[in-house]
Amino acid sequence: MSVGWEDHAEGWHGSTLWQVIEKEHMESNTDEVISDDEWYAFVEFFNDGFADAVSQLAADFWRDRNLCEEWKEEWKEILGGEEE
């Protein structure tokens, strides 16, 4: 059973989308061993670009949300059967 947005208002996940990628996560996704120095340089260099790309991805998801049947069902349940 889903809970309404008001139940999430006090938690971080109620109003913010965010993504953290840690070095260990990248290593497991790429099957590479990454040195701390290379990882810190990578993060420093790509930090802004990553933020921009994730912001664009979030905007795309938002615009396409009504194309997703699971979203429509979840939203309907959150609203308690009311229309949007």
Protein backbone atom coordinates (compact mmCIF):
# COMPACT_ATOMS: atom_id res chain seq x y z
CA MET A 1 0.00 0.00 0.00
CA SER A 2 1.32 3.41 -0.89
CA VAL A 3 1.36 6.31 1.49
CA GLY A 4 0.48 9.88 0.63
CA TRP A 5 2.99 12.66 0.07
CA GLU A 6 2.07 14.21 3.41
CA ASP A 7 3.51 11.11 5.12
CA HIS A 8 6.84 11.83 3.43
CA ALA A 9 6.95 15.57 4.06
CA GLU A 10 9.24 15.25 7.07
CA GLY A 11 11.74 13.00 5.29
CA TRP A 12 14.41 13.94 2.78
CA HIS A 13 12.82 11.79 0.10
CA GLY A 14 9.61 13.79 0.20
CA SER A 15 10.89 16.77 -1.73
CA THR A 16 14.30 15.99 -3.21
CA LEU A 17 15.69 13.74 -5.93
CA TRP A 18 19.40 13.15 -5.66
CA GLN A 19 21.99 10.63 -6.75
CA VAL A 20 25.32 9.84 -5.16
CA ILE A 21 27.90 7.75 -6.97
CA GLU A 22 30.70 6.43 -4.81
CA LYS A 23 33.98 5.10 -6.10
CA GLU A 24 33.13 1.58 -4.94
CA HIS A 25 29.84 1.73 -6.82
CA MET A 26 31.63 2.78 -10.01
CA GLU A 27 34.21 0.04 -9.54
CA SER A 28 31.51 -2.62 -9.23
CA ASN A 29 29.63 -1.24 -12.26
CA THR A 30 32.74 -1.10 -14.46
CA ASP A 31 34.79 -4.02 -13.08
CA GLU A 32 37.71 -1.61 -12.74
CA VAL A 33 39.92 -0.76 -9.80
CA ILE A 34 40.04 3.03 -9.45
CA SER A 35 42.72 4.81 -7.46
CA ASP A 36 41.64 7.45 -4.98
CA ASP A 37 43.63 10.10 -6.87
CA GLU A 38 41.97 9.28 -10.18
CA TRP A 39 38.52 9.18 -8.56
CA TYR A 40 38.96 12.58 -6.88
CA ALA A 41 40.18 14.09 -10.15
CA PHE A 42 37.24 12.51 -12.01
CA VAL A 43 34.72 13.86 -9.50
CA GLU A 44 36.26 17.34 -9.59
CA PHE A 45 36.30 17.44 -13.38
CA PHE A 46 32.84 15.96 -14.06
CA ASN A 47 30.89 17.25 -11.03
CA ASP A 48 29.08 20.08 -12.85
CA GLY A 49 28.43 18.02 -15.96
CA PHE A 50 27.00 15.19 -13.85
CA ALA A 51 24.69 17.61 -12.05
CA ASP A 52 23.54 19.09 -15.36
CA ALA A 53 22.93 15.65 -16.89
CA VAL A 54 20.97 14.41 -13.87
CA SER A 55 18.91 17.61 -13.85
CA GLN A 56 18.07 17.07 -17.51
CA LEU A 57 17.21 13.43 -16.83
CA ALA A 58 14.87 14.48 -14.00
CA ALA A 59 13.16 17.01 -16.29
CA ASP A 60 12.72 14.32 -18.95
CA PHE A 61 11.25 11.91 -16.39
CA TRP A 62 8.90 14.65 -15.17
CA ARG A 63 7.68 15.48 -18.67
CA ASP A 64 7.20 11.78 -19.51
CA ARG A 65 5.64 10.75 -16.20
CA ASN A 66 2.11 10.51 -17.56
CA LEU A 67 3.26 8.05 -20.22
CA CYS A 68 4.13 5.58 -17.45
CA GLU A 69 1.18 3.37 -16.46
CA GLU A 70 2.80 2.47 -13.12
CA TRP A 71 3.12 6.19 -12.28
CA LYS A 72 -0.53 6.83 -13.15
CA GLU A 73 -1.65 3.98 -10.89
CA GLU A 74 0.63 5.09 -8.04
CA TRP A 75 -0.51 8.70 -8.33
CA LYS A 76 -4.15 7.65 -8.39
CA GLU A 77 -3.58 5.62 -5.21
CA ILE A 78 -1.82 8.52 -3.49
CA LEU A 79 -4.72 10.80 -4.35
CA GLY A 80 -7.11 8.26 -2.90
CA GLY A 81 -8.93 7.70 -6.15
CA GLU A 82 -9.34 11.41 -6.91
CA GLU A 83 -8.46 12.74 -10.32
CA GLU A 84 -5.30 14.83 -10.80
